[in-house]
Amino acid sequence: MDINVNTDQEIMDTLGYRLKRIRLKKNILQKDLAKKAGISLRAIQKVESGVFVNLKTLIAVARALGKIEDFFSLFEIPTISPMEYHKMKNERMRSRKKKI
């Protein structure tokens, strides 16, 4: 997935647009989504129009749309091959205290 966005606002606009498209594809009214998510209708309108909302609101909307699993793919923990793990075992994990 190649997303060419430069600003925070472009990211919020893109997320809002995508959430709106998902809602419309599922044929859900904004007021019904708001009720299902446990947030206000105005919060749904803000999300869809790219206005800043807090993470808790965004999570509630994603959960109500059945897209909560997408949050877990945002920052996946990389897998480590056995060879990489072996190399890491020999690396220092901490710095030493400086002697005065």
C-alpha atoms as a PDB file:
ATOM      1  CA  MET A   1       0.000   0.000   0.000  1.00  0.00           C
ATOM      2  CA  ASP A   2       1.595   3.236  -1.146  1.00  0.00           C
ATOM      3  CA  ILE A   3       0.165   6.312   0.525  1.00  0.00           C
ATOM      4  CA  ASN A   4       1.526   9.625  -0.651  1.00  0.00           C
ATOM      5  CA  VAL A   5       0.620  12.027   2.120  1.00  0.00           C
ATOM      6  CA  ASN A   6       2.708  14.869   3.374  1.00  0.00           C
ATOM      7  CA  THR A   7       0.888  16.368   6.310  1.00  0.00           C
ATOM      8  CA  ASP A   8      -1.015  15.254   9.394  1.00  0.00           C
ATOM      9  CA  GLN A   9      -4.130  16.847   7.912  1.00  0.00           C
ATOM     10  CA  GLU A  10      -3.818  14.769   4.739  1.00  0.00           C
ATOM     11  CA  ILE A  11      -3.580  11.638   6.866  1.00  0.00           C
ATOM     12  CA  MET A  12      -6.671  12.606   8.879  1.00  0.00           C
ATOM     13  CA  ASP A  13      -8.559  13.435   5.663  1.00  0.00           C
ATOM     14  CA  THR A  14      -7.605  10.066   4.166  1.00  0.00           C
ATOM     15  CA  LEU A  15      -8.624   8.147   7.297  1.00  0.00           C
ATOM     16  CA  GLY A  16     -11.919  10.038   7.482  1.00  0.00           C
ATOM     17  CA  TYR A  17     -12.651   9.330   3.834  1.00  0.00           C
ATOM     18  CA  ARG A  18     -11.873   5.630   4.231  1.00  0.00           C
ATOM     19  CA  LEU A  19     -14.023   5.293   7.344  1.00  0.00           C
ATOM     20  CA  LYS A  20     -16.885   7.030   5.555  1.00  0.00           C
ATOM     21  CA  ARG A  21     -16.547   4.672   2.561  1.00  0.00           C
ATOM     22  CA  ILE A  22     -16.606   1.643   4.883  1.00  0.00           C
ATOM     23  CA  ARG A  23     -19.688   2.994   6.673  1.00  0.00           C
ATOM     24  CA  LEU A  24     -21.500   3.632   3.388  1.00  0.00           C
ATOM     25  CA  LYS A  25     -20.547   0.225   1.999  1.00  0.00           C
ATOM     26  CA  LYS A  26     -22.057  -1.363   5.110  1.00  0.00           C
ATOM     27  CA  ASN A  27     -25.133   0.880   4.612  1.00  0.00           C
ATOM     28  CA  ILE A  28     -24.942   2.366   8.114  1.00  0.00           C
ATOM     29  CA  LEU A  29     -26.254   5.837   8.926  1.00  0.00           C
ATOM     30  CA  GLN A  30     -23.976   8.199  10.843  1.00  0.00           C
ATOM     31  CA  LYS A  31     -26.411   8.324  13.773  1.00  0.00           C
ATOM     32  CA  ASP A  32     -26.558   4.514  13.922  1.00  0.00           C
ATOM     33  CA  LEU A  33     -22.773   4.257  13.847  1.00  0.00           C
ATOM     34  CA  ALA A  34     -22.533   6.847  16.606  1.00  0.00           C
ATOM     35  CA  LYS A  35     -24.934   4.845  18.761  1.00  0.00           C
ATOM     36  CA  LYS A  36     -23.108   1.579  18.078  1.00  0.00           C
ATOM     37  CA  ALA A  37     -19.740   3.197  18.865  1.00  0.00           C
ATOM     38  CA  GLY A  38     -21.083   4.903  21.988  1.00  0.00           C
ATOM     39  CA  ILE A  39     -20.071   8.377  20.809  1.00  0.00           C
ATOM     40  CA  SER A  40     -21.894  11.453  19.582  1.00  0.00           C
ATOM     41  CA  LEU A  41     -23.110  12.033  16.051  1.00  0.00           C
ATOM     42  CA  ARG A  42     -20.874  15.120  15.950  1.00  0.00           C
ATOM     43  CA  ALA A  43     -17.838  12.921  16.704  1.00  0.00           C
ATOM     44  CA  ILE A  44     -18.665  10.729  13.694  1.00  0.00           C
ATOM     45  CA  GLN A  45     -19.032  13.817  11.524  1.00  0.00           C
ATOM     46  CA  LYS A  46     -15.658  15.108  12.729  1.00  0.00           C
ATOM     47  CA  VAL A  47     -13.901  11.811  12.019  1.00  0.00           C
ATOM     48  CA  GLU A  48     -15.326  11.588   8.517  1.00  0.00           C
ATOM     49  CA  SER A  49     -14.453  15.194   7.683  1.00  0.00           C
ATOM     50  CA  GLY A  50     -10.838  14.856   8.814  1.00  0.00           C
ATOM     51  CA  VAL A  51     -11.163  16.971  11.946  1.00  0.00           C
ATOM     52  CA  PHE A  52      -8.859  15.962  14.794  1.00  0.00           C
ATOM     53  CA  VAL A  53     -10.364  13.461  17.222  1.00  0.00           C
ATOM     54  CA  ASN A  54      -8.715  11.566  20.033  1.00  0.00           C
ATOM     55  CA  LEU A  55      -7.491   8.018  19.662  1.00  0.00           C
ATOM     56  CA  LYS A  56     -10.241   6.630  21.885  1.00  0.00           C
ATOM     57  CA  THR A  57     -12.880   7.989  19.479  1.00  0.00           C
ATOM     58  CA  LEU A  58     -11.069   6.564  16.470  1.00  0.00           C
ATOM     59  CA  ILE A  59     -10.848   3.162  18.152  1.00  0.00           C
ATOM     60  CA  ALA A  60     -14.573   3.244  18.999  1.00  0.00           C
ATOM     61  CA  VAL A  61     -15.460   3.979  15.362  1.00  0.00           C
ATOM     62  CA  ALA A  62     -13.136   1.266  14.052  1.00  0.00           C
ATOM     63  CA  ARG A  63     -14.583  -1.258  16.507  1.00  0.00           C
ATOM     64  CA  ALA A  64     -18.152  -0.357  15.532  1.00  0.00           C
ATOM     65  CA  LEU A  65     -17.268  -0.817  11.856  1.00  0.00           C
ATOM     66  CA  GLY A  66     -15.617  -4.180  12.518  1.00  0.00           C
ATOM     67  CA  LYS A  67     -12.173  -2.841  11.637  1.00  0.00           C
ATOM     68  CA  ILE A  68     -10.448  -2.979  15.035  1.00  0.00           C
ATOM     69  CA  GLU A  69      -7.978  -5.607  13.814  1.00  0.00           C
ATOM     70  CA  ASP A  70      -6.534  -2.997  11.464  1.00  0.00           C
ATOM     71  CA  PHE A  71      -5.129  -1.140  14.474  1.00  0.00           C
ATOM     72  CA  PHE A  72      -2.986  -4.112  15.387  1.00  0.00           C
ATOM     73  CA  SER A  73      -1.346  -4.098  11.986  1.00  0.00           C
ATOM     74  CA  LEU A  74      -0.220  -0.471  12.355  1.00  0.00           C
ATOM     75  CA  PHE A  75       2.894  -1.288  14.322  1.00  0.00           C
ATOM     76  CA  GLU A  76       3.507  -4.980  13.872  1.00  0.00           C
ATOM     77  CA  ILE A  77       6.354  -6.497  15.821  1.00  0.00           C
ATOM     78  CA  PRO A  78       8.887  -7.684  13.283  1.00  0.00           C
ATOM     79  CA  THR A  79       9.752 -11.349  13.281  1.00  0.00           C
ATOM     80  CA  ILE A  80      13.370 -12.289  13.764  1.00  0.00           C
ATOM     81  CA  SER A  81      15.017 -15.105  11.885  1.00  0.00           C
ATOM     82  CA  PRO A  82      17.064 -17.610  13.928  1.00  0.00           C
ATOM     83  CA  MET A  83      20.267 -16.242  12.397  1.00  0.00           C
ATOM     84  CA  GLU A  84      19.403 -12.659  13.339  1.00  0.00           C
ATOM     85  CA  TYR A  85      18.532 -13.802  16.858  1.00  0.00           C
ATOM     86  CA  HIS A  86      21.881 -15.553  17.179  1.00  0.00           C
ATOM     87  CA  LYS A  87      23.704 -12.399  16.085  1.00  0.00           C
ATOM     88  CA  MET A  88      21.708 -10.295  18.548  1.00  0.00           C
ATOM     89  CA  LYS A  89      22.592 -12.558  21.482  1.00  0.00           C
ATOM     90  CA  ASN A  90      26.196 -11.443  21.230  1.00  0.00           C
ATOM     91  CA  GLU A  91      25.401  -7.736  21.020  1.00  0.00           C
ATOM     92  CA  ARG A  92      25.393  -5.516  24.073  1.00  0.00           C
ATOM     93  CA  MET A  93      21.917  -4.612  25.227  1.00  0.00           C
ATOM     94  CA  ARG A  94      22.871  -1.856  27.672  1.00  0.00           C
ATOM     95  CA  SER A  95      25.438   0.830  27.989  1.00  0.00           C
ATOM     96  CA  ARG A  96      27.853   0.866  30.865  1.00  0.00           C
ATOM     97  CA  LYS A  97      27.810   3.442  33.577  1.00  0.00           C
ATOM     98  CA  LYS A  98      30.427   6.074  32.974  1.00  0.00           C
ATOM     99  CA  LYS A  99      33.150   6.227  35.563  1.00  0.00           C
ATOM    100  CA  ILE A 100      33.711   9.616  37.010  1.00  0.00           C
END
